[in-house]
Amino acid sequence: LALAGSTNAVLHLLSFAREVGVELTLDD
């Protein structure tokens, strides 16, 4: 968010969370 990074980062961060088994959603 601070770097106005690529929107694709949203997909990838959500996928990392899914792989390690922690909660991360669009609400965050």
mmCIF file of all heavy atoms, coordinates in Angstrom:
data_MODEL
# 
_entry.id   MODEL 
# 
loop_
_atom_site.group_PDB 
_atom_site.id 
_atom_site.type_symbol 
_atom_site.label_atom_id 
_atom_site.label_alt_id 
_atom_site.label_comp_id 
_atom_site.label_asym_id 
_atom_site.label_entity_id 
_atom_site.label_seq_id 
_atom_site.pdbx_PDB_ins_code 
_atom_site.Cartn_x 
_atom_site.Cartn_y 
_atom_site.Cartn_z 
_atom_site.occupancy 
_atom_site.B_iso_or_equiv 
_atom_site.pdbx_formal_charge 
_atom_site.auth_seq_id 
_atom_site.auth_comp_id 
_atom_site.auth_asym_id 
_atom_site.auth_atom_id 
_atom_site.pdbx_PDB_model_num 
ATOM 1   N N   . LEU A 1 1  ? 0.820   -1.206  0.000   1.00 0.00 ? 1  LEU A N   1 
ATOM 2   C CA  . LEU A 1 1  ? 0.000   0.000   0.000   1.00 0.00 ? 1  LEU A CA  1 
ATOM 3   C C   . LEU A 1 1  ? 0.857   1.260   0.000   1.00 0.00 ? 1  LEU A C   1 
ATOM 4   O O   . LEU A 1 1  ? 0.586   2.213   -0.730  1.00 0.00 ? 1  LEU A O   1 
ATOM 5   C CB  . LEU A 1 1  ? -0.920  -0.003  1.219   1.00 0.00 ? 1  LEU A CB  1 
ATOM 6   C CG  . LEU A 1 1  ? -1.987  -1.104  1.261   1.00 0.00 ? 1  LEU A CG  1 
ATOM 7   C CD1 . LEU A 1 1  ? -2.648  -1.149  2.630   1.00 0.00 ? 1  LEU A CD1 1 
ATOM 8   C CD2 . LEU A 1 1  ? -3.039  -0.888  0.174   1.00 0.00 ? 1  LEU A CD2 1 
ATOM 9   N N   . ALA A 1 2  ? 1.905   1.270   0.812   1.00 0.00 ? 2  ALA A N   1 
ATOM 10  C CA  . ALA A 1 2  ? 2.740   2.461   0.941   1.00 0.00 ? 2  ALA A CA  1 
ATOM 11  C C   . ALA A 1 2  ? 3.506   2.776   -0.337  1.00 0.00 ? 2  ALA A C   1 
ATOM 12  O O   . ALA A 1 2  ? 3.788   3.943   -0.627  1.00 0.00 ? 2  ALA A O   1 
ATOM 13  C CB  . ALA A 1 2  ? 3.719   2.286   2.100   1.00 0.00 ? 2  ALA A CB  1 
ATOM 14  N N   . LEU A 1 3  ? 3.854   1.729   -1.097  1.00 0.00 ? 3  LEU A N   1 
ATOM 15  C CA  . LEU A 1 3  ? 4.597   1.935   -2.346  1.00 0.00 ? 3  LEU A CA  1 
ATOM 16  C C   . LEU A 1 3  ? 3.671   1.977   -3.555  1.00 0.00 ? 3  LEU A C   1 
ATOM 17  O O   . LEU A 1 3  ? 4.154   2.073   -4.683  1.00 0.00 ? 3  LEU A O   1 
ATOM 18  C CB  . LEU A 1 3  ? 5.634   0.824   -2.528  1.00 0.00 ? 3  LEU A CB  1 
ATOM 19  C CG  . LEU A 1 3  ? 6.728   0.752   -1.458  1.00 0.00 ? 3  LEU A CG  1 
ATOM 20  C CD1 . LEU A 1 3  ? 7.712   -0.368  -1.785  1.00 0.00 ? 3  LEU A CD1 1 
ATOM 21  C CD2 . LEU A 1 3  ? 7.464   2.079   -1.324  1.00 0.00 ? 3  LEU A CD2 1 
ATOM 22  N N   . ALA A 1 4  ? 2.345   1.907   -3.323  1.00 0.00 ? 4  ALA A N   1 
ATOM 23  C CA  . ALA A 1 4  ? 1.380   1.825   -4.428  1.00 0.00 ? 4  ALA A CA  1 
ATOM 24  C C   . ALA A 1 4  ? 1.813   0.714   -5.378  1.00 0.00 ? 4  ALA A C   1 
ATOM 25  O O   . ALA A 1 4  ? 1.924   0.907   -6.587  1.00 0.00 ? 4  ALA A O   1 
ATOM 26  C CB  . ALA A 1 4  ? 1.257   3.156   -5.155  1.00 0.00 ? 4  ALA A CB  1 
ATOM 27  N N   . GLY A 1 5  ? 2.057   -0.442  -4.801  1.00 0.00 ? 5  GLY A N   1 
ATOM 28  C CA  . GLY A 1 5  ? 2.556   -1.574  -5.577  1.00 0.00 ? 5  GLY A CA  1 
ATOM 29  C C   . GLY A 1 5  ? 1.507   -2.160  -6.495  1.00 0.00 ? 5  GLY A C   1 
ATOM 30  O O   . GLY A 1 5  ? 0.332   -1.777  -6.486  1.00 0.00 ? 5  GLY A O   1 
ATOM 31  N N   . SER A 1 6  ? 1.943   -3.103  -7.302  1.00 0.00 ? 6  SER A N   1 
ATOM 32  C CA  . SER A 1 6  ? 1.065   -3.753  -8.267  1.00 0.00 ? 6  SER A CA  1 
ATOM 33  C C   . SER A 1 6  ? -0.113  -4.432  -7.577  1.00 0.00 ? 6  SER A C   1 
ATOM 34  O O   . SER A 1 6  ? 0.037   -5.056  -6.526  1.00 0.00 ? 6  SER A O   1 
ATOM 35  C CB  . SER A 1 6  ? 1.856   -4.794  -9.059  1.00 0.00 ? 6  SER A CB  1 
ATOM 36  O OG  . SER A 1 6  ? 1.003   -5.624  -9.804  1.00 0.00 ? 6  SER A OG  1 
ATOM 37  N N   . THR A 1 7  ? -1.291  -4.330  -8.199  1.00 0.00 ? 7  THR A N   1 
ATOM 38  C CA  . THR A 1 7  ? -2.469  -5.004  -7.658  1.00 0.00 ? 7  THR A CA  1 
ATOM 39  C C   . THR A 1 7  ? -2.299  -6.518  -7.659  1.00 0.00 ? 7  THR A C   1 
ATOM 40  O O   . THR A 1 7  ? -2.985  -7.227  -6.910  1.00 0.00 ? 7  THR A O   1 
ATOM 41  C CB  . THR A 1 7  ? -3.722  -4.628  -8.457  1.00 0.00 ? 7  THR A CB  1 
ATOM 42  O OG1 . THR A 1 7  ? -3.479  -4.831  -9.856  1.00 0.00 ? 7  THR A OG1 1 
ATOM 43  C CG2 . THR A 1 7  ? -4.094  -3.168  -8.234  1.00 0.00 ? 7  THR A CG2 1 
ATOM 44  N N   . ASN A 1 8  ? -1.388  -7.046  -8.479  1.00 0.00 ? 8  ASN A N   1 
ATOM 45  C CA  . ASN A 1 8  ? -1.145  -8.493  -8.468  1.00 0.00 ? 8  ASN A CA  1 
ATOM 46  C C   . ASN A 1 8  ? -0.596  -8.967  -7.128  1.00 0.00 ? 8  ASN A C   1 
ATOM 47  O O   . ASN A 1 8  ? -0.725  -10.149 -6.786  1.00 0.00 ? 8  ASN A O   1 
ATOM 48  C CB  . ASN A 1 8  ? -0.173  -8.876  -9.583  1.00 0.00 ? 8  ASN A CB  1 
ATOM 49  C CG  . ASN A 1 8  ? -0.824  -8.823  -10.941 1.00 0.00 ? 8  ASN A CG  1 
ATOM 50  O OD1 . ASN A 1 8  ? -1.967  -9.223  -11.120 1.00 0.00 ? 8  ASN A OD1 1 
ATOM 51  N ND2 . ASN A 1 8  ? -0.103  -8.309  -11.927 1.00 0.00 ? 8  ASN A ND2 1 
ATOM 52  N N   . ALA A 1 9  ? 0.015   -8.064  -6.367  1.00 0.00 ? 9  ALA A N   1 
ATOM 53  C CA  . ALA A 1 9  ? 0.527   -8.445  -5.051  1.00 0.00 ? 9  ALA A CA  1 
ATOM 54  C C   . ALA A 1 9  ? -0.594  -8.932  -4.146  1.00 0.00 ? 9  ALA A C   1 
ATOM 55  O O   . ALA A 1 9  ? -0.364  -9.746  -3.243  1.00 0.00 ? 9  ALA A O   1 
ATOM 56  C CB  . ALA A 1 9  ? 1.246   -7.266  -4.405  1.00 0.00 ? 9  ALA A CB  1 
ATOM 57  N N   . VAL A 1 10 ? -1.817  -8.458  -4.376  1.00 0.00 ? 10 VAL A N   1 
ATOM 58  C CA  . VAL A 1 10 ? -2.945  -8.903  -3.563  1.00 0.00 ? 10 VAL A CA  1 
ATOM 59  C C   . VAL A 1 10 ? -3.148  -10.406 -3.734  1.00 0.00 ? 10 VAL A C   1 
ATOM 60  O O   . VAL A 1 10 ? -3.283  -11.152 -2.756  1.00 0.00 ? 10 VAL A O   1 
ATOM 61  C CB  . VAL A 1 10 ? -4.221  -8.137  -3.943  1.00 0.00 ? 10 VAL A CB  1 
ATOM 62  C CG1 . VAL A 1 10 ? -5.413  -8.644  -3.131  1.00 0.00 ? 10 VAL A CG1 1 
ATOM 63  C CG2 . VAL A 1 10 ? -4.026  -6.631  -3.743  1.00 0.00 ? 10 VAL A CG2 1 
ATOM 64  N N   . LEU A 1 11 ? -3.161  -10.870 -4.984  1.00 0.00 ? 11 LEU A N   1 
ATOM 65  C CA  . LEU A 1 11 ? -3.315  -12.304 -5.249  1.00 0.00 ? 11 LEU A CA  1 
ATOM 66  C C   . LEU A 1 11 ? -2.212  -13.110 -4.567  1.00 0.00 ? 11 LEU A C   1 
ATOM 67  O O   . LEU A 1 11 ? -2.462  -14.158 -3.972  1.00 0.00 ? 11 LEU A O   1 
ATOM 68  C CB  . LEU A 1 11 ? -3.266  -12.578 -6.750  1.00 0.00 ? 11 LEU A CB  1 
ATOM 69  C CG  . LEU A 1 11 ? -4.361  -11.966 -7.625  1.00 0.00 ? 11 LEU A CG  1 
ATOM 70  C CD1 . LEU A 1 11 ? -4.054  -12.234 -9.091  1.00 0.00 ? 11 LEU A CD1 1 
ATOM 71  C CD2 . LEU A 1 11 ? -5.722  -12.520 -7.255  1.00 0.00 ? 11 LEU A CD2 1 
ATOM 72  N N   . HIS A 1 12 ? -0.987  -12.619 -4.675  1.00 0.00 ? 12 HIS A N   1 
ATOM 73  C CA  . HIS A 1 12 ? 0.152   -13.391 -4.180  1.00 0.00 ? 12 HIS A CA  1 
ATOM 74  C C   . HIS A 1 12 ? 0.204   -13.414 -2.655  1.00 0.00 ? 12 HIS A C   1 
ATOM 75  O O   . HIS A 1 12 ? 0.481   -14.457 -2.053  1.00 0.00 ? 12 HIS A O   1 
ATOM 76  C CB  . HIS A 1 12 ? 1.445   -12.838 -4.769  1.00 0.00 ? 12 HIS A CB  1 
ATOM 77  C CG  . HIS A 1 12 ? 1.481   -12.890 -6.263  1.00 0.00 ? 12 HIS A CG  1 
ATOM 78  N ND1 . HIS A 1 12 ? 1.027   -13.977 -6.980  1.00 0.00 ? 12 HIS A ND1 1 
ATOM 79  C CD2 . HIS A 1 12 ? 1.906   -11.979 -7.185  1.00 0.00 ? 12 HIS A CD2 1 
ATOM 80  C CE1 . HIS A 1 12 ? 1.179   -13.744 -8.271  1.00 0.00 ? 12 HIS A CE1 1 
ATOM 81  N NE2 . HIS A 1 12 ? 1.703   -12.546 -8.419  1.00 0.00 ? 12 HIS A NE2 1 
ATOM 82  N N   . LEU A 1 13 ? -0.071  -12.295 -2.012  1.00 0.00 ? 13 LEU A N   1 
ATOM 83  C CA  . LEU A 1 13 ? -0.078  -12.283 -0.545  1.00 0.00 ? 13 LEU A CA  1 
ATOM 84  C C   . LEU A 1 13 ? -1.182  -13.178 0.010   1.00 0.00 ? 13 LEU A C   1 
ATOM 85  O O   . LEU A 1 13 ? -0.982  -13.900 0.992   1.00 0.00 ? 13 LEU A O   1 
ATOM 86  C CB  . LEU A 1 13 ? -0.232  -10.846 -0.040  1.00 0.00 ? 13 LEU A CB  1 
ATOM 87  C CG  . LEU A 1 13 ? 1.013   -9.962  -0.188  1.00 0.00 ? 13 LEU A CG  1 
ATOM 88  C CD1 . LEU A 1 13 ? 0.651   -8.499  0.019   1.00 0.00 ? 13 LEU A CD1 1 
ATOM 89  C CD2 . LEU A 1 13 ? 2.111   -10.378 0.790   1.00 0.00 ? 13 LEU A CD2 1 
ATOM 90  N N   . LEU A 1 14 ? -2.354  -13.144 -0.626  1.00 0.00 ? 14 LEU A N   1 
ATOM 91  C CA  . LEU A 1 14 ? -3.436  -14.040 -0.206  1.00 0.00 ? 14 LEU A CA  1 
ATOM 92  C C   . LEU A 1 14 ? -3.026  -15.504 -0.356  1.00 0.00 ? 14 LEU A C   1 
ATOM 93  O O   . LEU A 1 14 ? -3.350  -16.353 0.487   1.00 0.00 ? 14 LEU A O   1 
ATOM 94  C CB  . LEU A 1 14 ? -4.693  -13.765 -1.027  1.00 0.00 ? 14 LEU A CB  1 
ATOM 95  C CG  . LEU A 1 14 ? -5.395  -12.429 -0.779  1.00 0.00 ? 14 LEU A CG  1 
ATOM 96  C CD1 . LEU A 1 14 ? -6.497  -12.208 -1.813  1.00 0.00 ? 14 LEU A CD1 1 
ATOM 97  C CD2 . LEU A 1 14 ? -5.972  -12.343 0.632   1.00 0.00 ? 14 LEU A CD2 1 
ATOM 98  N N   . SER A 1 15 ? -2.289  -15.799 -1.423  1.00 0.00 ? 15 SER A N   1 
ATOM 99  C CA  . SER A 1 15 ? -1.852  -17.181 -1.664  1.00 0.00 ? 15 SER A CA  1 
ATOM 100 C C   . SER A 1 15 ? -0.775  -17.609 -0.677  1.00 0.00 ? 15 SER A C   1 
ATOM 101 O O   . SER A 1 15 ? -0.764  -18.763 -0.225  1.00 0.00 ? 15 SER A O   1 
ATOM 102 C CB  . SER A 1 15 ? -1.344  -17.320 -3.106  1.00 0.00 ? 15 SER A CB  1 
ATOM 103 O OG  . SER A 1 15 ? -2.397  -17.080 -4.022  1.00 0.00 ? 15 SER A OG  1 
ATOM 104 N N   . PHE A 1 16 ? 0.144   -16.707 -0.322  1.00 0.00 ? 16 PHE A N   1 
ATOM 105 C CA  . PHE A 1 16 ? 1.137   -17.037 0.700   1.00 0.00 ? 16 PHE A CA  1 
ATOM 106 C C   . PHE A 1 16 ? 0.432   -17.392 2.012   1.00 0.00 ? 16 PHE A C   1 
ATOM 107 O O   . PHE A 1 16 ? 0.795   -18.368 2.682   1.00 0.00 ? 16 PHE A O   1 
ATOM 108 C CB  . PHE A 1 16 ? 2.084   -15.858 0.956   1.00 0.00 ? 16 PHE A CB  1 
ATOM 109 C CG  . PHE A 1 16 ? 2.924   -15.454 -0.222  1.00 0.00 ? 16 PHE A CG  1 
ATOM 110 C CD1 . PHE A 1 16 ? 3.467   -14.174 -0.289  1.00 0.00 ? 16 PHE A CD1 1 
ATOM 111 C CD2 . PHE A 1 16 ? 3.177   -16.325 -1.274  1.00 0.00 ? 16 PHE A CD2 1 
ATOM 112 C CE1 . PHE A 1 16 ? 4.249   -13.784 -1.352  1.00 0.00 ? 16 PHE A CE1 1 
ATOM 113 C CE2 . PHE A 1 16 ? 3.954   -15.930 -2.356  1.00 0.00 ? 16 PHE A CE2 1 
ATOM 114 C CZ  . PHE A 1 16 ? 4.495   -14.656 -2.394  1.00 0.00 ? 16 PHE A CZ  1 
ATOM 115 N N   . ALA A 1 17 ? -0.555  -16.586 2.368   1.00 0.00 ? 17 ALA A N   1 
ATOM 116 C CA  . ALA A 1 17 ? -1.284  -16.837 3.616   1.00 0.00 ? 17 ALA A CA  1 
ATOM 117 C C   . ALA A 1 17 ? -1.966  -18.193 3.577   1.00 0.00 ? 17 ALA A C   1 
ATOM 118 O O   . ALA A 1 17 ? -1.950  -18.937 4.565   1.00 0.00 ? 17 ALA A O   1 
ATOM 119 C CB  . ALA A 1 17 ? -2.312  -15.723 3.843   1.00 0.00 ? 17 ALA A CB  1 
ATOM 120 N N   . ARG A 1 18 ? -2.548  -18.519 2.451   1.00 0.00 ? 18 ARG A N   1 
ATOM 121 C CA  . ARG A 1 18 ? -3.217  -19.812 2.318   1.00 0.00 ? 18 ARG A CA  1 
ATOM 122 C C   . ARG A 1 18 ? -2.225  -20.956 2.492   1.00 0.00 ? 18 ARG A C   1 
ATOM 123 O O   . ARG A 1 18 ? -2.520  -21.965 3.137   1.00 0.00 ? 18 ARG A O   1 
ATOM 124 C CB  . ARG A 1 18 ? -3.894  -19.893 0.948   1.00 0.00 ? 18 ARG A CB  1 
ATOM 125 C CG  . ARG A 1 18 ? -4.819  -21.088 0.776   1.00 0.00 ? 18 ARG A CG  1 
ATOM 126 C CD  . ARG A 1 18 ? -5.525  -21.035 -0.584  1.00 0.00 ? 18 ARG A CD  1 
ATOM 127 N NE  . ARG A 1 18 ? -6.494  -22.098 -0.712  1.00 0.00 ? 18 ARG A NE  1 
ATOM 128 C CZ  . ARG A 1 18 ? -7.734  -22.069 -0.231  1.00 0.00 ? 18 ARG A CZ  1 
ATOM 129 N NH1 . ARG A 1 18 ? -8.154  -20.994 0.409   1.00 0.00 ? 18 ARG A NH1 1 
ATOM 130 N NH2 . ARG A 1 18 ? -8.554  -23.088 -0.393  1.00 0.00 ? 18 ARG A NH2 1 
ATOM 131 N N   . GLU A 1 19 ? -1.022  -20.809 1.934   1.00 0.00 ? 19 GLU A N   1 
ATOM 132 C CA  . GLU A 1 19 ? -0.017  -21.872 2.024   1.00 0.00 ? 19 GLU A CA  1 
ATOM 133 C C   . GLU A 1 19 ? 0.502   -22.078 3.433   1.00 0.00 ? 19 GLU A C   1 
ATOM 134 O O   . GLU A 1 19 ? 0.757   -23.203 3.844   1.00 0.00 ? 19 GLU A O   1 
ATOM 135 C CB  . GLU A 1 19 ? 1.147   -21.571 1.074   1.00 0.00 ? 19 GLU A CB  1 
ATOM 136 C CG  . GLU A 1 19 ? 0.820   -21.738 -0.390  1.00 0.00 ? 19 GLU A CG  1 
ATOM 137 C CD  . GLU A 1 19 ? 0.427   -23.159 -0.759  1.00 0.00 ? 19 GLU A CD  1 
ATOM 138 O OE1 . GLU A 1 19 ? 0.998   -24.105 -0.195  1.00 0.00 ? 19 GLU A OE1 1 
ATOM 139 O OE2 . GLU A 1 19 ? -0.465  -23.323 -1.612  1.00 0.00 ? 19 GLU A OE2 1 
ATOM 140 N N   . VAL A 1 20 ? 0.675   -21.001 4.180   1.00 0.00 ? 20 VAL A N   1 
ATOM 141 C CA  . VAL A 1 20 ? 1.211   -21.154 5.542   1.00 0.00 ? 20 VAL A CA  1 
ATOM 142 C C   . VAL A 1 20 ? 0.103   -21.355 6.565   1.00 0.00 ? 20 VAL A C   1 
ATOM 143 O O   . VAL A 1 20 ? 0.376   -21.607 7.746   1.00 0.00 ? 20 VAL A O   1 
ATOM 144 C CB  . VAL A 1 20 ? 2.102   -19.950 5.956   1.00 0.00 ? 20 VAL A CB  1 
ATOM 145 C CG1 . VAL A 1 20 ? 3.315   -19.858 5.065   1.00 0.00 ? 20 VAL A CG1 1 
ATOM 146 C CG2 . VAL A 1 20 ? 1.315   -18.644 5.951   1.00 0.00 ? 20 VAL A CG2 1 
ATOM 147 N N   . GLY A 1 21 ? -1.161  -21.249 6.132   1.00 0.00 ? 21 GLY A N   1 
ATOM 148 C CA  . GLY A 1 21 ? -2.276  -21.543 7.016   1.00 0.00 ? 21 GLY A CA  1 
ATOM 149 C C   . GLY A 1 21 ? -2.630  -20.446 7.993   1.00 0.00 ? 21 GLY A C   1 
ATOM 150 O O   . GLY A 1 21 ? -3.083  -20.728 9.114   1.00 0.00 ? 21 GLY A O   1 
ATOM 151 N N   . VAL A 1 22 ? -2.426  -19.171 7.579   1.00 0.00 ? 22 VAL A N   1 
ATOM 152 C CA  . VAL A 1 22 ? -2.851  -18.061 8.429   1.00 0.00 ? 22 VAL A CA  1 
ATOM 153 C C   . VAL A 1 22 ? -3.924  -17.262 7.713   1.00 0.00 ? 22 VAL A C   1 
ATOM 154 O O   . VAL A 1 22 ? -4.068  -17.329 6.492   1.00 0.00 ? 22 VAL A O   1 
ATOM 155 C CB  . VAL A 1 22 ? -1.673  -17.141 8.812   1.00 0.00 ? 22 VAL A CB  1 
ATOM 156 C CG1 . VAL A 1 22 ? -0.581  -17.928 9.505   1.00 0.00 ? 22 VAL A CG1 1 
ATOM 157 C CG2 . VAL A 1 22 ? -1.123  -16.399 7.597   1.00 0.00 ? 22 VAL A CG2 1 
ATOM 158 N N   . GLU A 1 23 ? -4.686  -16.498 8.466   1.00 0.00 ? 23 GLU A N   1 
ATOM 159 C CA  . GLU A 1 23 ? -5.804  -15.751 7.900   1.00 0.00 ? 23 GLU A CA  1 
ATOM 160 C C   . GLU A 1 23 ? -5.331  -14.427 7.308   1.00 0.00 ? 23 GLU A C   1 
ATOM 161 O O   . GLU A 1 23 ? -4.639  -13.647 7.966   1.00 0.00 ? 23 GLU A O   1 
ATOM 162 C CB  . GLU A 1 23 ? -6.870  -15.483 8.964   1.00 0.00 ? 23 GLU A CB  1 
ATOM 163 C CG  . GLU A 1 23 ? -8.085  -14.755 8.414   1.00 0.00 ? 23 GLU A CG  1 
ATOM 164 C CD  . GLU A 1 23 ? -9.129  -14.455 9.475   1.00 0.00 ? 23 GLU A CD  1 
ATOM 165 O OE1 . GLU A 1 23 ? -8.825  -14.680 10.669  1.00 0.00 ? 23 GLU A OE1 1 
ATOM 166 O OE2 . GLU A 1 23 ? -10.220 -13.999 9.125   1.00 0.00 ? 23 GLU A OE2 1 
ATOM 167 N N   . LEU A 1 24 ? -5.688  -14.182 6.084   1.00 0.00 ? 24 LEU A N   1 
ATOM 168 C CA  . LEU A 1 24 ? -5.482  -12.889 5.443   1.00 0.00 ? 24 LEU A CA  1 
ATOM 169 C C   . LEU A 1 24 ? -6.586  -12.750 4.408   1.00 0.00 ? 24 LEU A C   1 
ATOM 170 O O   . LEU A 1 24 ? -6.788  -13.647 3.583   1.00 0.00 ? 24 LEU A O   1 
ATOM 171 C CB  . LEU A 1 24 ? -4.110  -12.802 4.767   1.00 0.00 ? 24 LEU A CB  1 
ATOM 172 C CG  . LEU A 1 24 ? -3.735  -11.419 4.218   1.00 0.00 ? 24 LEU A CG  1 
ATOM 173 C CD1 . LEU A 1 24 ? -3.414  -10.459 5.368   1.00 0.00 ? 24 LEU A CD1 1 
ATOM 174 C CD2 . LEU A 1 24 ? -2.554  -11.512 3.255   1.00 0.00 ? 24 LEU A CD2 1 
ATOM 175 N N   . THR A 1 25 ? -7.332  -11.658 4.452   1.00 0.00 ? 25 THR A N   1 
ATOM 176 C CA  . THR A 1 25 ? -8.457  -11.468 3.544   1.00 0.00 ? 25 THR A CA  1 
ATOM 177 C C   . THR A 1 25 ? -8.422  -10.070 2.956   1.00 0.00 ? 25 THR A C   1 
ATOM 178 O O   . THR A 1 25 ? -7.640  -9.201  3.387   1.00 0.00 ? 25 THR A O   1 
ATOM 179 C CB  . THR A 1 25 ? -9.802  -11.671 4.268   1.00 0.00 ? 25 THR A CB  1 
ATOM 180 O OG1 . THR A 1 25 ? -10.022 -10.567 5.170   1.00 0.00 ? 25 THR A OG1 1 
ATOM 181 C CG2 . THR A 1 25 ? -9.830  -12.984 5.041   1.00 0.00 ? 25 THR A CG2 1 
ATOM 182 N N   . LEU A 1 26 ? -9.323  -9.838  1.997   1.00 0.00 ? 26 LEU A N   1 
ATOM 183 C CA  . LEU A 1 26 ? -9.442  -8.496  1.428   1.00 0.00 ? 26 LEU A CA  1 
ATOM 184 C C   . LEU A 1 26 ? -9.845  -7.475  2.482   1.00 0.00 ? 26 LEU A C   1 
ATOM 185 O O   . LEU A 1 26 ? -9.550  -6.281  2.333   1.00 0.00 ? 26 LEU A O   1 
ATOM 186 C CB  . LEU A 1 26 ? -10.453 -8.487  0.290   1.00 0.00 ? 26 LEU A CB  1 
ATOM 187 C CG  . LEU A 1 26 ? -10.059 -9.206  -1.007  1.00 0.00 ? 26 LEU A CG  1 
ATOM 188 C CD1 . LEU A 1 26 ? -11.101 -8.939  -2.088  1.00 0.00 ? 26 LEU A CD1 1 
ATOM 189 C CD2 . LEU A 1 26 ? -8.679  -8.782  -1.502  1.00 0.00 ? 26 LEU A CD2 1 
ATOM 190 N N   . ASP A 1 27 ? -10.491 -7.918  3.545   1.00 0.00 ? 27 ASP A N   1 
ATOM 191 C CA  . ASP A 1 27 ? -10.852 -6.989  4.620   1.00 0.00 ? 27 ASP A CA  1 
ATOM 192 C C   . ASP A 1 27 ? -9.606  -6.380  5.250   1.00 0.00 ? 27 ASP A C   1 
ATOM 193 O O   . ASP A 1 27 ? -9.617  -5.212  5.663   1.00 0.00 ? 27 ASP A O   1 
ATOM 194 C CB  . ASP A 1 27 ? -11.677 -7.702  5.691   1.00 0.00 ? 27 ASP A CB  1 
ATOM 195 C CG  . ASP A 1 27 ? -13.065 -8.079  5.203   1.00 0.00 ? 27 ASP A CG  1 
ATOM 196 O OD1 . ASP A 1 27 ? -13.554 -7.442  4.244   1.00 0.00 ? 27 ASP A OD1 1 
ATOM 197 O OD2 . ASP A 1 27 ? -13.659 -9.021  5.767   1.00 0.00 ? 27 ASP A OD2 1 
ATOM 198 N N   . ASP A 1 28 ? -8.514  -7.149  5.319   1.00 0.00 ? 28 ASP A N   1 
ATOM 199 C CA  . ASP A 1 28 ? -7.256  -6.604  5.849   1.00 0.00 ? 28 ASP A CA  1 
ATOM 200 C C   . ASP A 1 28 ? -6.699  -5.527  4.924   1.00 0.00 ? 28 ASP A C   1 
ATOM 201 O O   . ASP A 1 28 ? -6.224  -4.480  5.380   1.00 0.00 ? 28 ASP A O   1 
ATOM 202 C CB  . ASP A 1 28 ? -6.232  -7.727  6.033   1.00 0.00 ? 28 ASP A CB  1 
ATOM 203 C CG  . ASP A 1 28 ? -6.631  -8.710  7.114   1.00 0.00 ? 28 ASP A CG  1 
ATOM 204 O OD1 . ASP A 1 28 ? -6.894  -8.269  8.242   1.00 0.00 ? 28 ASP A OD1 1 
ATOM 205 O OD2 . ASP A 1 28 ? -6.687  -9.920  6.818   1.00 0.00 ? 28 ASP A OD2 1 
# 
